Each structure stands twice: as structure tokens, then as C-alpha cells.
Protein backbone atom coordinates (compact mmCIF):
# COMPACT_ATOMS: atom_id res chain seq x y z
CA MET A 1 22.15 37.94 21.37
CA TYR A 2 18.96 39.05 23.09
CA MET A 3 17.13 39.22 19.75
CA HIS A 4 18.33 35.72 18.87
CA LYS A 5 16.77 34.39 22.07
CA ILE A 6 13.49 36.17 21.32
CA LEU A 7 13.42 34.71 17.78
CA TYR A 8 14.18 31.24 19.16
CA ILE A 9 11.33 31.48 21.66
CA LEU A 10 8.90 32.74 19.03
CA THR A 11 9.91 29.95 16.64
CA PHE A 12 9.44 27.36 19.39
CA LEU A 13 6.03 28.73 20.31
CA LEU A 14 4.94 28.75 16.67
CA PHE A 15 6.06 25.14 16.21
CA PHE A 16 4.34 24.13 19.46
CA ASN A 17 1.07 25.75 18.39
CA ILE A 18 1.16 24.04 14.96
CA SER A 19 1.88 20.66 16.60
CA ALA A 20 -0.89 21.17 19.16
CA GLU A 21 -3.35 22.08 16.41
CA ALA A 22 -2.45 18.97 14.39
CA LYS A 23 -2.81 16.80 17.48
CA GLU A 24 -6.17 18.35 18.14
CA ILE A 25 -7.31 17.44 14.62
CA GLU A 26 -6.33 13.79 15.00
CA GLU A 27 -8.14 13.56 18.32
CA LYS A 28 -11.24 15.19 16.85
CA VAL A 29 -11.18 12.78 13.91
CA TYR A 30 -10.87 9.74 16.16
CA ASP A 31 -13.74 10.95 18.35
CA TRP A 32 -15.85 11.54 15.23
CA ILE A 33 -15.15 8.00 13.96
CA SER A 34 -16.14 6.67 17.38
CA SER A 35 -19.39 8.67 17.31
CA LEU A 36 -20.44 6.97 14.05
CA GLN A 37 -20.73 3.49 15.61
CA LYS A 38 -24.35 2.39 15.89
CA PRO A 39 -26.04 0.03 18.41
CA SER A 40 -25.67 -2.76 15.84
CA GLY A 41 -21.88 -2.37 16.10
CA LEU A 42 -21.62 -1.16 12.50
CA VAL A 43 -20.08 2.22 11.76
CA GLU A 44 -21.91 4.70 9.52
CA GLU A 45 -20.01 6.05 6.50
CA THR A 46 -20.96 9.65 7.25
CA GLU A 47 -23.44 11.36 9.53
CA ASN A 48 -27.13 10.57 9.01
CA SER A 49 -26.44 8.60 5.81
CA ASN A 50 -27.77 5.23 7.02
CA LEU A 51 -24.98 3.75 4.86
CA VAL A 52 -22.44 1.18 6.02
CA SER A 53 -19.42 0.19 3.94
CA LEU A 54 -17.70 -3.16 4.51
CA TYR A 55 -14.37 -1.66 3.46
CA SER A 56 -14.64 1.40 5.71
CA ASN A 57 -15.81 -0.68 8.69
CA SER A 58 -12.71 -2.82 8.24
CA LEU A 59 -10.55 0.31 8.38
CA ALA A 60 -12.43 1.54 11.46
CA ALA A 61 -11.76 -1.80 13.18
CA ILE A 62 -8.04 -1.39 12.43
CA VAL A 63 -8.01 2.13 13.89
CA TYR A 64 -9.97 1.06 17.00
CA THR A 65 -7.57 -1.85 17.49
CA TYR A 66 -4.52 0.38 17.23
CA LYS A 67 -6.00 2.69 19.88
CA GLU A 68 -6.66 -0.37 22.06
CA ASP A 69 -10.34 0.50 21.94
CA TYR A 70 -11.00 -3.20 21.61
CA SER A 71 -14.68 -3.09 22.56
CA LYS A 72 -15.46 -0.97 19.50
CA ALA A 73 -13.44 -3.24 17.18
CA LYS A 74 -15.13 -6.32 18.61
CA LYS A 75 -18.60 -4.84 18.03
CA ILE A 76 -17.82 -4.65 14.31
CA PHE A 77 -16.42 -8.17 14.16
CA LEU A 78 -19.25 -9.59 16.26
CA TRP A 79 -21.84 -8.28 13.80
CA PHE A 80 -20.15 -10.12 10.95
CA LYS A 81 -19.64 -13.22 13.07
CA ARG A 82 -23.35 -13.31 13.96
CA ASN A 83 -24.24 -12.87 10.30
CA LYS A 84 -21.94 -15.47 8.73
CA LYS A 85 -24.96 -16.89 6.91
CA GLU A 86 -24.54 -14.08 4.38
CA LEU A 87 -20.88 -14.99 3.89
CA ASN A 88 -21.53 -18.70 3.52
CA SER A 89 -24.66 -18.53 1.35
CA ALA A 90 -24.36 -18.54 -2.45
CA PRO A 91 -22.65 -16.70 -4.03
CA GLY A 92 -20.74 -16.09 -0.80
CA GLY A 93 -18.88 -13.12 0.60
CA PHE A 94 -20.19 -10.18 2.58
CA GLY A 95 -21.99 -7.42 0.68
CA GLN A 96 -20.31 -4.14 -0.09
CA PHE A 97 -22.99 -1.86 1.43
CA ARG A 98 -25.88 -2.15 3.89
CA ASP A 99 -27.86 0.06 6.26
CA THR A 100 -26.88 0.73 9.87
CA LYS A 101 -29.07 -2.13 11.12
CA GLY A 102 -27.29 -4.50 8.75
CA PHE A 103 -29.90 -4.96 6.05
CA THR A 104 -28.70 -5.36 2.46
CA SER A 105 -30.55 -6.43 -0.65
CA ALA A 106 -28.86 -8.07 -3.66
CA PRO A 107 -25.45 -6.53 -2.88
CA HIS A 108 -22.19 -6.50 -4.76
CA ARG A 109 -19.88 -9.05 -3.12
CA TRP A 110 -16.54 -7.33 -3.70
CA MET A 111 -13.57 -9.58 -3.09
CA GLY A 112 -11.28 -6.65 -2.18
CA ASP A 113 -13.62 -5.37 0.54
CA ASN A 114 -13.79 -8.85 2.09
CA CYS A 115 -9.98 -8.93 1.97
CA TRP A 116 -9.85 -5.77 4.06
CA LEU A 117 -12.13 -7.34 6.66
CA LEU A 118 -9.69 -10.25 6.77
CA ILE A 119 -6.71 -7.86 7.08
CA ALA A 120 -8.50 -6.18 10.01
CA LEU A 121 -9.18 -9.55 11.68
CA ASN A 122 -5.55 -10.61 11.25
CA TYR A 123 -4.33 -7.29 12.70
CA TYR A 124 -6.70 -7.57 15.67
CA LYS A 125 -5.68 -11.16 16.43
CA LYS A 126 -1.96 -10.32 16.19
CA LYS A 127 -2.29 -7.34 18.52
CA THR A 128 -4.65 -8.87 21.11
CA GLY A 129 -4.17 -12.66 20.95
CA ASP A 130 -7.97 -12.94 20.93
CA THR A 131 -8.99 -16.03 18.91
CA GLN A 132 -12.79 -15.73 19.07
CA PHE A 133 -12.96 -14.60 15.43
CA THR A 134 -10.73 -17.32 14.00
CA SER A 135 -13.63 -19.23 12.41
CA LEU A 136 -14.91 -16.03 10.79
CA ALA A 137 -11.47 -15.33 9.34
CA LYS A 138 -11.17 -18.90 8.03
CA ASP A 139 -14.54 -18.72 6.29
CA ILE A 140 -13.64 -15.42 4.60
CA GLU A 141 -10.29 -16.87 3.56
CA LYS A 142 -11.95 -19.94 2.05
CA TRP A 143 -14.32 -17.80 -0.01
CA ILE A 144 -11.44 -15.67 -1.31
CA ARG A 145 -9.33 -18.71 -2.18
CA ASP A 146 -12.22 -20.20 -4.13
CA LEU A 147 -12.21 -17.15 -6.42
CA GLN A 148 -8.79 -18.08 -7.86
CA ASP A 149 -8.82 -18.85 -11.57
CA GLN A 150 -6.48 -21.20 -13.47
CA ASP A 151 -4.19 -18.30 -14.41
CA GLY A 152 -3.62 -17.54 -10.70
CA GLY A 153 -5.70 -14.36 -10.69
CA LEU A 154 -8.82 -13.91 -8.56
CA TRP A 155 -12.24 -12.95 -9.81
CA GLY A 156 -13.41 -9.72 -8.18
CA GLY A 157 -16.42 -11.28 -6.47
CA TYR A 158 -20.06 -11.27 -7.64
CA ASN A 159 -22.50 -8.74 -9.02
CA PRO A 160 -26.07 -8.56 -7.67
CA ASN A 161 -27.21 -10.67 -10.65
CA LEU A 162 -24.68 -13.35 -9.51
CA THR A 163 -22.34 -12.89 -12.49
CA GLN A 164 -18.65 -12.79 -11.59
CA ILE A 165 -16.92 -9.43 -11.27
CA GLU A 166 -13.88 -9.17 -13.55
CA LYS A 167 -10.38 -9.58 -12.14
CA ASN A 168 -9.12 -6.26 -10.83
CA SER A 169 -5.55 -5.52 -9.85
CA GLU A 170 -6.19 -3.77 -6.52
CA GLY A 171 -8.36 -6.62 -5.24
CA ASN A 172 -5.72 -9.16 -6.18
CA ILE A 173 -3.06 -7.17 -4.31
CA ASP A 174 -5.40 -7.08 -1.29
CA ALA A 175 -5.85 -10.86 -1.47
CA LEU A 176 -2.12 -11.51 -1.75
CA ASN A 177 -1.68 -9.68 1.54
CA ALA A 178 -4.84 -10.81 3.35
CA ILE A 179 -4.57 -14.60 3.02
CA SER A 180 -2.39 -15.94 5.83
CA GLY A 181 0.99 -17.53 5.29
CA PHE A 182 2.48 -18.34 1.89
CA ASP A 183 1.55 -21.32 -0.27
CA LYS A 184 0.67 -22.22 -3.87
CA PHE A 185 -2.22 -19.74 -3.77
CA HIS A 186 0.14 -16.82 -3.11
CA LYS A 187 2.75 -18.02 -5.59
CA ASN A 188 0.28 -18.33 -8.45
CA LEU A 189 -1.41 -15.04 -7.56
CA PHE A 190 1.93 -13.22 -7.51
CA ILE A 191 2.86 -14.71 -10.89
CA PHE A 192 -0.49 -13.51 -12.27
CA LEU A 193 0.18 -9.97 -11.03
CA ARG A 194 3.76 -10.04 -12.31
CA ASP A 195 2.90 -11.45 -15.75
CA LYS A 196 -0.60 -10.10 -16.42
CA ARG A 197 -0.80 -6.83 -14.46
CA TRP A 198 2.67 -5.39 -14.87
CA ASP A 199 3.85 -2.32 -16.77
CA LYS A 200 7.28 -3.42 -18.01
CA LYS A 201 8.26 0.10 -19.06
CA ASN A 202 7.72 1.68 -15.64
CA ASN A 203 8.01 -1.48 -13.48
CA VAL A 204 4.76 -0.90 -11.61
CA PHE A 205 1.39 -2.64 -11.43
CA THR A 206 -1.22 -1.72 -14.02
CA THR A 207 -5.00 -1.98 -14.21
CA LYS A 208 -4.96 -3.15 -17.86
CA TRP A 209 -7.85 -0.71 -18.38
CA PRO A 210 -6.80 1.87 -20.99
CA PRO A 211 -6.54 4.80 -20.84
CA TYR A 212 -6.73 4.46 -17.04
CA GLU A 213 -3.86 2.03 -16.80
CA HIS A 214 -2.22 3.53 -13.73
CA ALA A 215 -4.08 3.80 -10.44
CA PRO A 216 -2.49 5.36 -7.35
CA ASP A 217 -3.79 2.69 -4.96
CA LEU A 218 -1.85 0.07 -6.95
CA ILE A 219 1.25 2.08 -6.05
CA SER A 220 0.53 2.56 -2.33
CA TRP A 221 -0.92 -0.91 -1.70
CA GLY A 222 1.60 -2.54 -4.02
CA TYR A 223 4.47 -1.18 -1.93
CA LEU A 224 2.75 -1.94 1.40
CA ALA A 225 2.07 -5.52 0.25
CA LEU A 226 5.54 -6.27 -1.14
CA GLY A 227 8.05 -4.12 0.73
CA ASN A 228 11.34 -2.40 0.00
CA LYS A 229 12.36 -4.26 -3.17
CA TYR A 230 9.40 -2.39 -4.68
CA LYS A 231 10.23 1.00 -3.17
CA HIS A 232 10.64 2.41 -6.70
CA PHE A 233 6.81 2.36 -6.85
CA LEU A 234 6.91 5.43 -4.64
CA ASP A 235 9.03 7.33 -7.16
CA PHE A 236 6.33 6.65 -9.76
CA ALA A 237 3.79 8.10 -7.32
CA ASP A 238 5.22 11.57 -8.02
CA ARG A 239 3.35 11.49 -11.35
CA PHE A 240 0.05 11.64 -9.47
CA MET A 241 0.98 14.73 -7.43
CA ILE A 242 -1.10 17.79 -8.29
CA ALA A 243 -2.28 21.00 -6.61
CA LYS A 244 -5.94 22.01 -6.57
CA LYS A 245 -8.01 24.73 -4.94
CA SER A 246 -10.53 22.81 -2.88
CA THR A 247 -14.26 23.42 -2.49
CA LEU A 248 -13.51 24.08 1.18
CA GLY A 249 -11.15 26.91 0.22
CA PRO A 250 -7.50 25.91 0.76
CA VAL A 251 -5.18 24.95 -2.07
CA VAL A 252 -4.14 21.34 -1.51
CA LYS A 253 -1.34 19.24 -2.94
CA GLY A 254 -1.95 15.52 -3.08
CA ILE A 255 -2.62 12.42 -5.16
CA ALA A 256 -4.81 12.67 -8.27
CA PHE A 257 -7.45 10.02 -8.98
CA ASP A 258 -5.65 9.03 -12.19
CA LEU A 259 -3.22 10.32 -14.80
CA VAL A 260 -5.86 11.14 -17.42
CA GLU A 261 -8.12 13.97 -16.20
CA LYS A 262 -6.20 15.02 -13.06
CA ASP A 263 -9.31 17.00 -12.11
CA GLY A 264 -9.24 16.35 -8.38
CA ILE A 265 -7.23 15.06 -5.44
CA TRP A 266 -8.17 11.69 -3.96
CA ILE A 267 -7.76 12.48 -0.28
CA GLU A 268 -8.25 8.85 0.79
CA VAL A 269 -5.41 7.61 -1.42
CA THR A 270 -3.30 10.60 -0.39
CA GLY A 271 -3.55 9.08 3.09
CA GLN A 272 -2.58 5.66 1.76
CA MET A 273 0.45 7.16 0.04
CA ALA A 274 1.44 9.06 3.17
CA LEU A 275 1.43 5.76 5.09
CA ALA A 276 3.48 4.09 2.36
CA TYR A 277 6.05 6.92 2.57
CA LYS A 278 6.15 6.56 6.36
CA VAL A 279 6.70 2.79 6.18
CA ALA A 280 9.45 3.42 3.57
CA GLU A 281 11.06 5.91 6.01
CA MET A 282 10.44 8.76 3.58
CA ASP A 283 9.28 10.88 6.49
CA LYS A 284 9.50 14.30 4.84
CA LYS A 285 7.11 13.25 2.06
CA ALA A 286 4.82 11.51 4.56
CA GLN A 287 4.54 14.53 6.84
CA PHE A 288 3.96 16.87 3.91
CA LEU A 289 0.97 14.85 2.69
CA ILE A 290 -0.44 14.48 6.20
CA LYS A 291 -0.46 18.26 6.63
CA GLU A 292 -2.17 18.66 3.27
CA ILE A 293 -4.86 16.15 4.30
CA GLU A 294 -5.48 18.09 7.51
CA LYS A 295 -6.59 21.06 5.39
CA MET A 296 -9.57 18.91 4.39
CA TYR A 297 -10.91 18.56 7.94
CA VAL A 298 -14.61 19.41 8.37
CA PRO A 299 -16.42 19.76 11.72
CA SER A 300 -19.41 17.56 12.46
CA ASN A 301 -22.86 19.05 11.90
CA SER A 302 -24.02 17.77 15.28
CA ASN A 303 -20.91 18.45 17.37
CA LYS A 304 -18.47 21.18 16.36
CA ASN A 305 -15.81 19.72 18.67
CA ILE A 306 -15.29 16.69 16.44
CA GLY A 307 -15.11 16.09 12.69
CA GLY A 308 -13.62 14.13 9.82
CA ILE A 309 -11.86 14.32 6.47
CA VAL A 310 -13.60 14.69 3.08
CA TYR A 311 -13.10 12.28 0.17
CA SER A 312 -11.92 14.71 -2.51
CA THR A 313 -10.87 18.32 -2.99
CA GLY A 314 -13.68 19.10 -5.42
CA GLN A 315 -16.24 17.77 -7.81
CA GLY A 316 -15.00 16.01 -10.92
CA THR A 317 -14.40 12.39 -11.82
CA MET A 318 -13.29 9.57 -9.56
CA PHE A 319 -10.85 6.95 -10.86
CA GLY A 320 -12.04 6.60 -14.44
CA PRO A 321 -14.66 8.77 -16.14
CA GLU A 322 -17.50 8.44 -13.60
CA PRO A 323 -18.47 11.63 -11.71
CA LEU A 324 -18.06 11.92 -7.95
CA TRP A 325 -21.17 11.92 -5.77
CA LYS A 326 -22.59 15.10 -4.30
CA GLY A 327 -20.87 15.89 -1.01
CA ALA A 328 -17.64 14.02 -1.75
CA ASP A 329 -15.81 17.34 -1.44
CA THR A 330 -17.75 18.81 1.51
CA ASN A 331 -18.84 16.00 3.85
CA PRO A 332 -16.40 14.04 6.04
CA VAL A 333 -16.38 10.29 5.41
CA LEU A 334 -15.28 7.31 7.44
CA GLY A 335 -12.86 5.68 4.98
CA THR A 336 -10.82 8.82 4.31
CA SER A 337 -10.76 9.72 8.00
CA CYS A 338 -9.42 6.26 8.87
CA TRP A 339 -6.64 6.49 6.27
CA TYR A 340 -5.67 9.89 7.64
CA LEU A 341 -5.24 8.40 11.12
CA MET A 342 -3.47 5.32 9.76
CA ALA A 343 -0.96 7.63 8.09
CA LYS A 344 -0.71 9.99 11.06
CA TRP A 345 -0.11 7.17 13.53
CA GLY A 346 1.79 4.84 11.20
CA ILE A 347 -0.73 1.99 11.44
CA ASP A 348 0.78 -0.60 9.10
CA ALA A 349 -1.90 -3.32 9.06
CA MET A 350 -0.43 -4.90 5.91
CA ARG A 351 2.87 -5.64 7.66
CA ILE A 352 1.69 -9.06 8.85
CA GLY A 353 0.98 -10.28 5.34
CA ARG A 354 3.99 -8.49 3.86
CA ILE A 355 6.46 -10.38 6.07
CA ASN A 356 5.06 -13.74 4.96
CA ILE A 357 4.92 -12.73 1.29
CA ILE A 358 8.54 -11.58 1.25
CA LYS A 359 9.71 -14.73 3.01
CA GLY A 360 7.75 -16.97 0.64
CA LEU A 361 8.80 -15.15 -2.54
CA LYS A 362 12.44 -15.25 -1.50
CA LYS A 363 12.18 -19.00 -0.91
CA GLU A 364 10.68 -19.42 -4.40
CA GLY A 365 13.31 -17.17 -5.96
CA LEU A 366 10.61 -14.73 -7.07
CA TYR A 367 11.24 -11.70 -4.86
CA TYR A 368 12.05 -9.07 -7.11
CA LYS A 369 12.37 -10.99 -10.34
């Protein structure tokens, strides 16, 4: 009996220490993300890079909002509000990348990245009731709506030479969720995704880009955009699960970039999938992936008490045949670190759009059909 008590106490202490360590990692990651915000209000992608990503700043705004660190979220939104001229000047949309002071030259205007800024604005407004960014959100929404083609799909934005970017599945899923309410725009966009970007054999979204026809973010975002009638997406996600020895040392299990090479784990999308599992109440799978992501924590070079999460487990190819950039497996980055916290804390920013989509599709008789 005495030994049983000793074992119980030791087990409790071990569990407590593991939980405390995990909590410490999430706090360090949040503090690191906070440290990346510059006087302009924009948040640097990684330390001393002088690189700002529209997509990652949108994620940072969501994380700041969840933590009720509203001043930091507002600094991001205020920069874009002050610089709406970029959004509203031909060809429209905010650029994908810029420097920390906000300068960009002939940028890609990615529709999907602008959608994530809109998702962040919608999440902020819902949580705070603050309406000062309503006009900014409306202007972004108008630009996205204007990208809709006759077949219901949306062009992916504009290249630096002003040619249109081809329709891509993940951006169209983003738009379906980001645009408020449910109207003809959503109906036609959903029909495009269902008819033109659907794998009938596996009943999941497809890129229509052979041989890279299945992308893991179409699975995670597809479920988060459409809800439980599409929960079978998450069964398909098992095909992306691999184990790799990372550059940092630990062996990690997580989500591969694609089903072709399977030469690395996409830590960012592993975070997306963990959030999807959590929203689907598949808690065991969610917690497993979160712990695997925490193996990819790296301390800051300037402050060892804080740090972030790297993009990939090792060098190799990203989604498709293109090689990863140097440092993707060794340097912490903003986007991946945000998705880790969104999974860890269950930040479901797509819930607002998902509720409206489900309601609208049910009314049209299209929800799961």
C-alpha cells in the first residue's frame, strides 16, 4: 500500500512537471511573438529578417486578440487602415510581403493572404465589439468579391506584372470563410469547390495539380470552414502522417508537405491539423500533435527566455517540388508559432464564417450534397 502511494505521488509529480514545461513553452512563444512587433505596428516574420508577411501578421492579430492584448492587434490593423491606398489602387489587394517599415515594391497580391486579414478583422470585431476597422474590412471584402469568375471560383489575386494568379483551392476555401454572411457569392463559390475541386474517390478537396493533388491545408481548412458534415476529411489526414528525425535532433511525427515526396514535416500545417482535431473533439490526436510541435521549439538568439517554432523538421521540398529556404528547419518563424498557439489554446477564428456557411448551405439544400 505504501509503495502504491509512492508511485502515485511520483506519477503526479512527473505529470505536473511535463504540464509545467509545456505551459512554459507556450508562454515563451507568446512573448517571442510579442517581441517581434516593430514601431510601425507590423510584426517581423523572424528575428532580424526585416520581412513582414501579410498572412503571418493576420495570424498574430488573431493570437493577440485571443489573449486580449488588443493594443498589439490594433497596431497591426491600424497600419493597414492607414495604408488603404495600396488596397484600393490597381490591381488592388495588400501585398504579400514588405519590410518592417511597410515598404513593398511590385508585390504579389495573394487573395488568400488578404482573406486571412479579413478573418482576423472579423474575429477581432466579434470579440471586442470595436467597429473602427469596419471600412477596412468592407474594402478588403469588395476586392475579394471582385475576383469571382463566372464559374464561381476566385482568381488567386495578381502577380507583380499585373497578370492574374490562377485559381487555387486553398485561397477559395479561405474566401468562402472570410466573406461575411451567406449570399450568391458563397453559393457559387461552394459549387465551384464541390464541382471543380473535389476528389470524388476520397471525398476531399483537391488542388487539381497533379501529381500534387492532395494538400494537407485543404484538409484542415476545409474542415474548419465547413464543419462536422466534413469530419471525414480528418480521417484522410492520416495519410499525411509521417515520422522524421529533425535537424534539431528529436524524431517528430506530424503532417507531411504532400503525399509525393514525404521528405519533411510541415510544422505549420501540423498546427492547423491539431486545431482541426481539437474543434472536432478529437482531443487525443490534437494533444499528440501539439506535443510533437513543441519538440520544434527554438530559443531566441537575443533572449534565451523566449523563442518560437520552426517551419519544418528538415531541409527538403515544400508543397510541390520547390526546395525549402535555408533556415526553415532551424529558425523560429511567426506563422508556425501562431498556429502552435492557436492549436494549444483552441483559437477557432474560422468559427464565425463556418456558422454562416453551414446555415446558408442548409437553406440551399447543399450542405453535404
